N, C-alpha and C. Protein backbone atom coordinates (compact mmCIF):
# COMPACT_ATOMS: atom_id res chain seq x y z
N UNK A 1 95.65 65.08 -10.85
CA UNK A 1 96.17 64.64 -9.57
C UNK A 1 97.44 63.82 -9.76
N UNK A 2 97.63 63.29 -10.95
CA UNK A 2 98.82 62.49 -11.24
C UNK A 2 100.09 63.26 -10.90
N UNK A 3 100.14 64.54 -11.25
CA UNK A 3 101.31 65.37 -10.98
C UNK A 3 101.60 65.41 -9.48
N UNK A 4 100.55 65.54 -8.69
CA UNK A 4 100.71 65.61 -7.24
C UNK A 4 101.20 64.28 -6.69
N UNK A 5 100.53 63.20 -7.07
CA UNK A 5 100.88 61.88 -6.54
C UNK A 5 102.26 61.43 -7.00
N UNK A 6 102.64 61.83 -8.20
CA UNK A 6 103.96 61.49 -8.73
C UNK A 6 105.06 62.18 -7.91
N UNK A 7 104.74 63.34 -7.34
CA UNK A 7 105.75 64.11 -6.61
C UNK A 7 106.06 63.52 -5.23
N UNK A 8 105.23 62.61 -4.74
CA UNK A 8 105.47 61.96 -3.45
C UNK A 8 105.35 60.46 -3.66
N UNK A 9 105.96 59.69 -2.79
CA UNK A 9 105.82 58.24 -2.89
C UNK A 9 104.52 57.87 -2.18
N UNK A 10 103.43 57.90 -2.92
CA UNK A 10 102.08 57.75 -2.38
C UNK A 10 101.93 56.51 -1.50
N UNK A 11 102.43 55.39 -1.93
CA UNK A 11 102.24 54.14 -1.18
C UNK A 11 102.96 54.13 0.16
N UNK A 12 104.05 54.88 0.28
CA UNK A 12 104.81 54.86 1.52
C UNK A 12 104.19 55.68 2.64
N UNK A 13 103.41 56.68 2.31
CA UNK A 13 102.90 57.55 3.37
C UNK A 13 101.40 57.53 3.53
N UNK A 14 100.66 57.17 2.51
CA UNK A 14 99.21 57.29 2.58
C UNK A 14 98.60 56.24 3.50
N UNK A 15 97.73 56.68 4.35
CA UNK A 15 96.92 55.78 5.19
C UNK A 15 95.50 56.28 5.11
N UNK A 16 94.57 55.40 5.22
CA UNK A 16 93.16 55.79 5.21
C UNK A 16 92.93 56.84 6.29
N UNK A 17 92.32 57.99 5.96
CA UNK A 17 92.10 59.00 6.98
C UNK A 17 91.16 58.49 8.07
N UNK A 18 91.60 58.63 9.30
CA UNK A 18 90.77 58.18 10.42
C UNK A 18 90.73 59.29 11.44
N UNK A 19 89.56 59.74 11.70
CA UNK A 19 89.40 60.77 12.72
C UNK A 19 89.20 60.14 14.08
N UNK A 20 89.22 60.98 15.08
CA UNK A 20 88.90 60.53 16.42
C UNK A 20 87.43 60.13 16.41
N UNK A 21 87.07 59.02 17.02
CA UNK A 21 85.70 58.54 16.98
C UNK A 21 84.68 59.47 17.63
N UNK A 22 85.12 60.31 18.53
CA UNK A 22 84.25 61.25 19.23
C UNK A 22 84.34 62.60 18.53
N UNK A 23 83.25 62.99 17.87
CA UNK A 23 83.27 64.23 17.09
C UNK A 23 83.53 65.46 17.95
N UNK A 24 83.01 65.47 19.17
CA UNK A 24 83.27 66.60 20.07
C UNK A 24 84.77 66.72 20.32
N UNK A 25 85.42 65.62 20.66
CA UNK A 25 86.85 65.64 20.93
C UNK A 25 87.62 66.04 19.68
N UNK A 26 87.20 65.52 18.54
CA UNK A 26 87.87 65.87 17.29
C UNK A 26 87.80 67.38 17.06
N UNK A 27 86.64 67.98 17.30
CA UNK A 27 86.51 69.43 17.11
C UNK A 27 87.36 70.20 18.11
N UNK A 28 87.47 69.70 19.34
CA UNK A 28 88.38 70.33 20.31
C UNK A 28 89.80 70.35 19.75
N UNK A 29 90.25 69.22 19.23
CA UNK A 29 91.60 69.13 18.67
C UNK A 29 91.76 70.06 17.47
N UNK A 30 90.74 70.14 16.63
CA UNK A 30 90.81 71.03 15.46
C UNK A 30 90.93 72.49 15.89
N UNK A 31 90.16 72.88 16.89
CA UNK A 31 90.24 74.27 17.39
C UNK A 31 91.62 74.54 17.96
N UNK A 32 92.12 73.63 18.78
CA UNK A 32 93.45 73.81 19.38
C UNK A 32 94.52 73.91 18.30
N UNK A 33 94.38 73.15 17.22
CA UNK A 33 95.41 73.08 16.17
C UNK A 33 95.41 74.26 15.21
N UNK A 34 94.38 75.08 15.25
CA UNK A 34 94.28 76.19 14.29
C UNK A 34 95.53 77.07 14.33
N UNK A 35 96.08 77.32 13.15
CA UNK A 35 97.21 78.24 12.95
C UNK A 35 98.44 77.87 13.77
N UNK A 36 98.63 76.58 14.03
CA UNK A 36 99.81 76.11 14.75
C UNK A 36 100.52 75.06 13.91
N UNK A 37 101.81 74.92 14.14
CA UNK A 37 102.54 73.82 13.51
C UNK A 37 102.04 72.52 14.14
N UNK A 38 102.26 71.42 13.46
CA UNK A 38 101.85 70.12 13.98
C UNK A 38 102.46 69.83 15.33
N UNK A 39 103.74 70.18 15.50
CA UNK A 39 104.44 69.91 16.75
C UNK A 39 103.86 70.73 17.90
N UNK A 40 103.63 72.02 17.66
CA UNK A 40 103.07 72.88 18.71
C UNK A 40 101.67 72.41 19.09
N UNK A 41 100.87 72.08 18.09
CA UNK A 41 99.50 71.60 18.35
C UNK A 41 99.53 70.31 19.16
N UNK A 42 100.41 69.40 18.80
CA UNK A 42 100.51 68.12 19.51
C UNK A 42 100.88 68.33 20.98
N UNK A 43 101.80 69.24 21.23
CA UNK A 43 102.22 69.53 22.61
C UNK A 43 101.05 70.08 23.43
N UNK A 44 100.32 71.03 22.86
CA UNK A 44 99.20 71.64 23.58
C UNK A 44 98.07 70.62 23.78
N UNK A 45 97.83 69.79 22.77
CA UNK A 45 96.79 68.77 22.90
C UNK A 45 97.13 67.79 24.03
N UNK A 46 98.39 67.38 24.13
CA UNK A 46 98.79 66.47 25.22
C UNK A 46 98.54 67.11 26.58
N UNK A 47 98.90 68.38 26.71
CA UNK A 47 98.67 69.09 27.97
C UNK A 47 97.17 69.23 28.25
N UNK A 48 96.41 69.52 27.21
CA UNK A 48 94.95 69.64 27.32
C UNK A 48 94.35 68.33 27.82
N UNK A 49 94.77 67.22 27.24
CA UNK A 49 94.26 65.90 27.64
C UNK A 49 94.52 65.62 29.12
N UNK A 50 95.65 66.11 29.62
CA UNK A 50 96.02 65.87 31.02
C UNK A 50 95.12 66.61 32.01
N UNK A 51 94.32 67.54 31.52
CA UNK A 51 93.36 68.24 32.39
C UNK A 51 92.17 67.36 32.75
N UNK A 52 92.04 66.24 32.07
CA UNK A 52 90.87 65.37 32.24
C UNK A 52 91.30 64.04 32.87
N UNK A 53 90.56 63.58 33.90
CA UNK A 53 90.88 62.27 34.49
C UNK A 53 90.86 61.19 33.41
N UNK A 54 91.89 60.38 33.40
CA UNK A 54 92.04 59.30 32.42
C UNK A 54 91.94 59.80 30.97
N UNK A 55 92.21 61.09 30.78
CA UNK A 55 92.18 61.72 29.45
C UNK A 55 90.83 61.55 28.76
N UNK A 56 89.76 61.41 29.54
CA UNK A 56 88.39 61.28 29.00
C UNK A 56 87.79 62.67 28.87
N UNK A 57 87.87 63.21 27.68
CA UNK A 57 87.40 64.56 27.42
C UNK A 57 85.90 64.54 27.14
N UNK A 58 85.15 65.32 27.92
CA UNK A 58 83.72 65.46 27.68
C UNK A 58 83.37 66.94 27.73
N UNK A 59 82.26 67.28 27.12
CA UNK A 59 81.80 68.67 27.13
C UNK A 59 81.51 69.13 28.56
N UNK A 60 80.92 68.25 29.35
CA UNK A 60 80.57 68.59 30.73
C UNK A 60 81.82 68.90 31.55
N UNK A 61 82.84 68.08 31.41
CA UNK A 61 84.09 68.31 32.15
C UNK A 61 84.78 69.57 31.64
N UNK A 62 84.80 69.76 30.33
CA UNK A 62 85.45 70.94 29.76
C UNK A 62 84.77 72.23 30.24
N UNK A 63 83.46 72.22 30.30
CA UNK A 63 82.72 73.41 30.73
C UNK A 63 83.10 73.85 32.14
N UNK A 64 83.54 72.91 32.97
CA UNK A 64 83.88 73.21 34.37
C UNK A 64 85.34 73.65 34.56
N UNK A 65 86.17 73.49 33.54
CA UNK A 65 87.58 73.87 33.67
C UNK A 65 87.71 75.39 33.55
N UNK A 66 88.35 76.03 34.53
CA UNK A 66 88.54 77.48 34.44
C UNK A 66 89.38 77.86 33.21
N UNK A 67 89.04 78.99 32.62
CA UNK A 67 89.78 79.46 31.44
C UNK A 67 91.27 79.58 31.72
N UNK A 68 91.64 79.97 32.93
CA UNK A 68 93.06 80.12 33.28
C UNK A 68 93.80 78.79 33.15
N UNK A 69 93.13 77.70 33.48
CA UNK A 69 93.77 76.38 33.34
C UNK A 69 93.98 76.04 31.86
N UNK A 70 93.02 76.41 31.04
CA UNK A 70 93.17 76.18 29.60
C UNK A 70 94.32 77.03 29.06
N UNK A 71 94.43 78.26 29.53
CA UNK A 71 95.53 79.14 29.13
C UNK A 71 96.87 78.54 29.57
N UNK A 72 96.89 77.93 30.75
CA UNK A 72 98.13 77.39 31.30
C UNK A 72 98.70 76.25 30.46
N UNK A 73 97.86 75.58 29.66
CA UNK A 73 98.38 74.49 28.83
C UNK A 73 98.91 75.02 27.49
N UNK A 74 98.78 76.33 27.27
CA UNK A 74 99.40 76.92 26.08
C UNK A 74 98.45 77.48 25.04
N UNK A 75 97.17 77.49 25.33
CA UNK A 75 96.25 78.03 24.31
C UNK A 75 95.90 79.48 24.62
N UNK A 76 95.49 80.18 23.59
CA UNK A 76 95.11 81.59 23.72
C UNK A 76 93.77 81.72 24.44
N UNK A 77 93.50 82.95 24.91
CA UNK A 77 92.20 83.22 25.52
C UNK A 77 91.08 82.93 24.53
N UNK A 78 91.30 83.31 23.27
CA UNK A 78 90.23 83.11 22.27
C UNK A 78 89.96 81.62 22.06
N UNK A 79 91.01 80.80 22.00
CA UNK A 79 90.78 79.36 21.82
C UNK A 79 90.08 78.76 23.04
N UNK A 80 90.44 79.24 24.23
CA UNK A 80 89.75 78.77 25.44
C UNK A 80 88.27 79.12 25.35
N UNK A 81 87.98 80.33 24.88
CA UNK A 81 86.59 80.77 24.71
C UNK A 81 85.87 79.93 23.66
N UNK A 82 86.57 79.61 22.57
CA UNK A 82 85.96 78.79 21.51
C UNK A 82 85.63 77.39 22.03
N UNK A 83 86.54 76.81 22.81
CA UNK A 83 86.29 75.48 23.37
C UNK A 83 85.10 75.50 24.33
N UNK A 84 84.99 76.56 25.12
CA UNK A 84 83.85 76.68 26.04
C UNK A 84 82.54 76.82 25.26
N UNK A 85 82.57 77.56 24.15
CA UNK A 85 81.37 77.70 23.32
C UNK A 85 80.98 76.35 22.73
N UNK A 86 81.97 75.61 22.25
CA UNK A 86 81.72 74.26 21.71
C UNK A 86 81.12 73.37 22.80
N UNK A 87 81.71 73.40 23.99
CA UNK A 87 81.20 72.58 25.10
C UNK A 87 79.76 72.95 25.44
N UNK A 88 79.49 74.24 25.52
CA UNK A 88 78.13 74.69 25.84
C UNK A 88 77.11 74.26 24.80
N UNK A 89 77.46 74.43 23.54
CA UNK A 89 76.54 74.03 22.46
C UNK A 89 76.35 72.52 22.44
N UNK A 90 77.40 71.79 22.81
CA UNK A 90 77.30 70.33 22.87
C UNK A 90 76.37 69.91 24.02
N UNK A 91 76.56 70.52 25.17
CA UNK A 91 75.72 70.20 26.33
C UNK A 91 74.25 70.51 26.04
N UNK A 92 74.01 71.62 25.37
CA UNK A 92 72.63 72.02 25.04
C UNK A 92 72.09 71.31 23.80
N UNK A 93 72.88 70.40 23.26
CA UNK A 93 72.50 69.60 22.08
C UNK A 93 72.15 70.48 20.87
N UNK A 94 72.90 71.55 20.70
CA UNK A 94 72.71 72.44 19.56
C UNK A 94 73.46 71.97 18.32
N UNK A 95 74.32 70.97 18.50
CA UNK A 95 75.05 70.40 17.37
C UNK A 95 74.57 68.96 17.20
N UNK A 96 74.10 68.64 16.02
CA UNK A 96 73.57 67.30 15.75
C UNK A 96 74.65 66.31 15.37
N UNK A 97 75.50 65.96 16.34
CA UNK A 97 76.63 65.06 16.07
C UNK A 97 76.19 63.76 15.41
N UNK A 98 75.08 63.20 15.87
CA UNK A 98 74.65 61.89 15.36
C UNK A 98 74.22 61.94 13.90
N UNK A 99 73.93 63.12 13.39
CA UNK A 99 73.48 63.25 12.00
C UNK A 99 74.56 63.76 11.06
N UNK A 100 75.71 64.17 11.58
CA UNK A 100 76.73 64.78 10.73
C UNK A 100 77.15 63.89 9.57
N UNK A 101 77.30 62.59 9.83
CA UNK A 101 77.76 61.68 8.78
C UNK A 101 76.75 61.55 7.64
N UNK A 102 75.48 61.89 7.90
CA UNK A 102 74.43 61.80 6.87
C UNK A 102 74.27 63.10 6.09
N UNK A 103 74.78 64.20 6.63
CA UNK A 103 74.56 65.52 6.03
C UNK A 103 75.46 65.75 4.82
N UNK A 104 75.03 66.67 3.96
CA UNK A 104 75.89 67.10 2.86
C UNK A 104 77.05 67.90 3.44
N UNK A 105 78.10 68.05 2.65
CA UNK A 105 79.23 68.86 3.11
C UNK A 105 78.78 70.26 3.50
N UNK A 106 77.93 70.85 2.69
CA UNK A 106 77.46 72.21 2.95
C UNK A 106 76.68 72.29 4.27
N UNK A 107 75.85 71.29 4.53
CA UNK A 107 75.08 71.28 5.78
C UNK A 107 75.97 71.06 7.00
N UNK A 108 77.00 70.24 6.85
CA UNK A 108 77.96 70.05 7.95
C UNK A 108 78.66 71.37 8.23
N UNK A 109 79.05 72.06 7.17
CA UNK A 109 79.72 73.36 7.33
C UNK A 109 78.81 74.33 8.09
N UNK A 110 77.55 74.39 7.73
CA UNK A 110 76.60 75.29 8.41
C UNK A 110 76.44 74.90 9.87
N UNK A 111 76.34 73.61 10.12
CA UNK A 111 76.15 73.11 11.49
C UNK A 111 77.34 73.48 12.37
N UNK A 112 78.54 73.28 11.85
CA UNK A 112 79.73 73.49 12.67
C UNK A 112 80.11 74.96 12.81
N UNK A 113 79.88 75.75 11.78
CA UNK A 113 80.31 77.15 11.84
C UNK A 113 79.42 78.01 12.73
N UNK A 114 78.41 77.42 13.33
CA UNK A 114 77.63 78.15 14.34
C UNK A 114 78.41 78.27 15.65
N UNK A 115 79.47 77.49 15.78
CA UNK A 115 80.31 77.53 16.98
C UNK A 115 81.36 78.62 16.80
N UNK A 116 81.55 79.44 17.83
CA UNK A 116 82.58 80.48 17.77
C UNK A 116 83.93 79.81 17.55
N UNK A 117 84.69 80.34 16.62
CA UNK A 117 86.03 79.81 16.37
C UNK A 117 86.08 78.69 15.34
N UNK A 118 84.93 78.21 14.90
CA UNK A 118 84.92 77.21 13.83
C UNK A 118 84.47 77.92 12.56
N UNK A 119 85.44 78.11 11.68
CA UNK A 119 85.17 78.73 10.39
C UNK A 119 85.27 77.68 9.30
N UNK A 120 85.29 78.13 8.06
CA UNK A 120 85.35 77.18 6.94
C UNK A 120 86.53 76.22 7.01
N UNK A 121 87.73 76.71 7.35
CA UNK A 121 88.91 75.84 7.37
C UNK A 121 88.72 74.69 8.36
N UNK A 122 88.30 75.01 9.58
CA UNK A 122 88.12 73.98 10.60
C UNK A 122 87.03 72.99 10.18
N UNK A 123 85.95 73.51 9.62
CA UNK A 123 84.87 72.63 9.16
C UNK A 123 85.35 71.73 8.02
N UNK A 124 86.17 72.27 7.12
CA UNK A 124 86.71 71.45 6.02
C UNK A 124 87.65 70.36 6.54
N UNK A 125 88.46 70.69 7.54
CA UNK A 125 89.35 69.68 8.13
C UNK A 125 88.51 68.58 8.78
N UNK A 126 87.42 68.97 9.43
CA UNK A 126 86.52 68.01 10.04
C UNK A 126 85.91 67.09 8.97
N UNK A 127 85.49 67.67 7.87
CA UNK A 127 84.93 66.87 6.77
C UNK A 127 85.93 65.81 6.32
N UNK A 128 87.19 66.21 6.16
CA UNK A 128 88.21 65.28 5.68
C UNK A 128 88.61 64.26 6.74
N UNK A 129 88.98 64.75 7.91
CA UNK A 129 89.62 63.89 8.90
C UNK A 129 88.66 63.16 9.83
N UNK A 130 87.52 63.75 10.14
CA UNK A 130 86.57 63.08 11.04
C UNK A 130 85.54 62.28 10.25
N UNK A 131 85.04 62.87 9.17
CA UNK A 131 83.99 62.20 8.40
C UNK A 131 84.53 61.43 7.20
N UNK A 132 85.81 61.59 6.90
CA UNK A 132 86.42 60.85 5.79
C UNK A 132 85.87 61.23 4.43
N UNK A 133 85.42 62.46 4.26
CA UNK A 133 84.88 62.90 2.97
C UNK A 133 86.02 62.99 1.96
N UNK A 134 85.78 62.45 0.79
CA UNK A 134 86.84 62.31 -0.21
C UNK A 134 86.98 63.50 -1.16
N UNK A 135 86.02 64.40 -1.20
CA UNK A 135 86.07 65.47 -2.19
C UNK A 135 86.02 66.85 -1.53
N UNK A 136 87.03 67.14 -0.71
CA UNK A 136 87.11 68.43 -0.02
C UNK A 136 88.44 69.08 -0.37
N UNK A 137 88.40 70.36 -0.67
CA UNK A 137 89.62 71.15 -0.84
C UNK A 137 89.45 72.44 -0.08
N UNK A 138 90.42 72.79 0.74
CA UNK A 138 90.35 73.99 1.57
C UNK A 138 91.17 75.11 0.95
N UNK A 139 90.48 76.09 0.39
CA UNK A 139 91.18 77.23 -0.23
C UNK A 139 91.95 78.06 0.79
N UNK A 140 91.52 78.03 2.04
CA UNK A 140 92.15 78.84 3.07
C UNK A 140 93.43 78.21 3.62
N UNK A 141 93.73 76.99 3.24
CA UNK A 141 94.90 76.30 3.78
C UNK A 141 96.16 76.72 3.03
N UNK A 142 97.01 77.45 3.72
CA UNK A 142 98.24 77.95 3.09
C UNK A 142 99.16 76.80 2.68
N UNK A 143 99.20 75.75 3.47
CA UNK A 143 100.04 74.60 3.14
C UNK A 143 99.65 73.98 1.81
N UNK A 144 98.36 73.88 1.55
CA UNK A 144 97.90 73.32 0.28
C UNK A 144 98.32 74.21 -0.89
N UNK A 145 98.15 75.50 -0.72
CA UNK A 145 98.50 76.41 -1.80
C UNK A 145 100.01 76.45 -2.02
N UNK A 146 100.79 76.36 -0.93
CA UNK A 146 102.25 76.28 -1.07
C UNK A 146 102.64 74.99 -1.79
N UNK A 147 101.95 73.90 -1.43
CA UNK A 147 102.22 72.62 -2.10
C UNK A 147 101.91 72.68 -3.58
N UNK A 148 100.82 73.33 -3.95
CA UNK A 148 100.47 73.49 -5.38
C UNK A 148 101.56 74.26 -6.12
N UNK A 149 102.02 75.33 -5.49
CA UNK A 149 103.08 76.13 -6.12
C UNK A 149 104.30 75.26 -6.39
N UNK A 150 104.66 74.48 -5.41
CA UNK A 150 105.85 73.64 -5.52
C UNK A 150 105.66 72.51 -6.54
N UNK A 151 104.59 71.75 -6.39
CA UNK A 151 104.37 70.58 -7.24
C UNK A 151 104.13 70.95 -8.70
N UNK A 152 103.37 72.02 -8.91
CA UNK A 152 103.04 72.44 -10.27
C UNK A 152 104.04 73.46 -10.82
N UNK A 153 105.07 73.74 -10.04
CA UNK A 153 106.13 74.68 -10.43
C UNK A 153 105.55 76.02 -10.90
N UNK A 154 104.66 76.56 -10.08
CA UNK A 154 104.04 77.85 -10.38
C UNK A 154 104.94 78.98 -9.90
N UNK A 155 104.86 80.12 -10.55
CA UNK A 155 105.67 81.27 -10.15
C UNK A 155 105.18 81.87 -8.84
N UNK A 156 103.86 81.82 -8.63
CA UNK A 156 103.27 82.39 -7.43
C UNK A 156 102.35 81.38 -6.77
N UNK A 157 102.09 81.62 -5.50
CA UNK A 157 101.10 80.80 -4.79
C UNK A 157 99.75 81.04 -5.45
N UNK A 158 99.04 79.99 -5.83
CA UNK A 158 97.78 80.19 -6.55
C UNK A 158 96.68 80.79 -5.66
N UNK A 159 95.88 81.65 -6.26
CA UNK A 159 94.72 82.18 -5.56
C UNK A 159 93.60 81.14 -5.63
N UNK A 160 92.46 81.43 -5.01
CA UNK A 160 91.36 80.47 -4.96
C UNK A 160 90.88 80.07 -6.35
N UNK A 161 90.81 81.02 -7.27
CA UNK A 161 90.34 80.72 -8.62
C UNK A 161 91.28 79.75 -9.34
N UNK A 162 92.57 80.00 -9.24
CA UNK A 162 93.57 79.13 -9.88
C UNK A 162 93.55 77.75 -9.21
N UNK A 163 93.45 77.72 -7.88
CA UNK A 163 93.40 76.45 -7.15
C UNK A 163 92.17 75.65 -7.58
N UNK A 164 91.04 76.33 -7.75
CA UNK A 164 89.82 75.65 -8.22
C UNK A 164 90.02 75.03 -9.60
N UNK A 165 90.68 75.76 -10.46
CA UNK A 165 90.93 75.27 -11.82
C UNK A 165 91.80 74.01 -11.78
N UNK A 166 92.83 74.05 -10.96
CA UNK A 166 93.73 72.90 -10.85
C UNK A 166 93.00 71.70 -10.25
N UNK A 167 92.27 71.93 -9.16
CA UNK A 167 91.65 70.81 -8.44
C UNK A 167 90.37 70.30 -9.09
N UNK A 168 89.84 71.02 -10.06
CA UNK A 168 88.63 70.54 -10.75
C UNK A 168 88.88 69.17 -11.37
N UNK A 169 90.09 68.93 -11.80
CA UNK A 169 90.46 67.65 -12.42
C UNK A 169 90.55 66.53 -11.39
N UNK A 170 90.66 66.89 -10.13
CA UNK A 170 90.81 65.89 -9.08
C UNK A 170 89.47 65.34 -8.60
N UNK A 171 88.39 66.03 -8.91
CA UNK A 171 87.07 65.61 -8.43
C UNK A 171 86.75 64.20 -8.91
N UNK A 172 86.18 63.35 -8.09
CA UNK A 172 85.63 63.56 -6.75
C UNK A 172 86.58 63.14 -5.62
N UNK A 173 87.88 63.29 -5.83
CA UNK A 173 88.85 62.81 -4.85
C UNK A 173 89.83 63.89 -4.41
N UNK A 174 89.35 65.11 -4.28
CA UNK A 174 90.25 66.22 -3.93
C UNK A 174 90.90 66.05 -2.57
N UNK A 175 90.25 65.39 -1.63
CA UNK A 175 90.86 65.20 -0.31
C UNK A 175 92.18 64.44 -0.41
N UNK A 176 92.24 63.45 -1.29
CA UNK A 176 93.48 62.69 -1.46
C UNK A 176 94.58 63.57 -2.03
N UNK A 177 94.20 64.46 -2.93
CA UNK A 177 95.16 65.44 -3.45
C UNK A 177 95.68 66.33 -2.33
N UNK A 178 94.79 66.70 -1.40
CA UNK A 178 95.21 67.51 -0.25
C UNK A 178 96.23 66.77 0.59
N UNK A 179 95.96 65.49 0.88
CA UNK A 179 96.90 64.71 1.68
C UNK A 179 98.27 64.67 1.01
N UNK A 180 98.27 64.47 -0.30
CA UNK A 180 99.54 64.42 -1.04
C UNK A 180 100.24 65.78 -1.02
N UNK A 181 99.49 66.86 -1.20
CA UNK A 181 100.10 68.19 -1.16
C UNK A 181 100.70 68.49 0.21
N UNK A 182 99.98 68.18 1.27
CA UNK A 182 100.53 68.39 2.61
C UNK A 182 101.81 67.58 2.79
N UNK A 183 101.78 66.36 2.31
CA UNK A 183 102.97 65.52 2.43
C UNK A 183 104.13 66.12 1.64
N UNK A 184 103.85 66.66 0.47
CA UNK A 184 104.92 67.23 -0.36
C UNK A 184 105.56 68.44 0.33
N UNK A 185 104.78 69.18 1.10
CA UNK A 185 105.30 70.34 1.81
C UNK A 185 106.12 69.89 3.02
N UNK A 186 105.66 68.82 3.69
CA UNK A 186 106.33 68.33 4.90
C UNK A 186 107.60 67.54 4.61
N UNK A 187 107.73 67.01 3.38
CA UNK A 187 108.89 66.15 3.11
C UNK A 187 110.02 66.90 2.45
């Protein structure tokens, strides 16, 4: 990890990862942010928040918003559908939010991926940013793999096997390596 941290000024940018205190809201933001630039995601999230009185997002309120209104803030039909599935599962208490912080990473992944639109990448981002897990690496994240190519001066973007080999040395702090790699790509 030294190579990664040396490539960025770690002290100037690193902050303790803090997720939104409400796991439901955090998952809404993660779904909205999928496959979008940070700027595009931020714009859509702001518009999404404005659909709720006093920006108080709840599953019950989300379930009542017509899909067309969700589309009007800039999200795809599929993301609107994913948010409705999340809201429904939350209302029916099919997601054990109160137990997520106690679960293993694998169990959190299983719990969250039962929601339409939440796959491994979204669950891994949740582990890092909402639960503050320190040893997560997302093989599906193109930004991380691009950062590895750049920082390690690789000829090609590493595949999952090569990424595993590189990040094995980072354990049990792979999440911090991810933060540094993302920063290296953004700077």
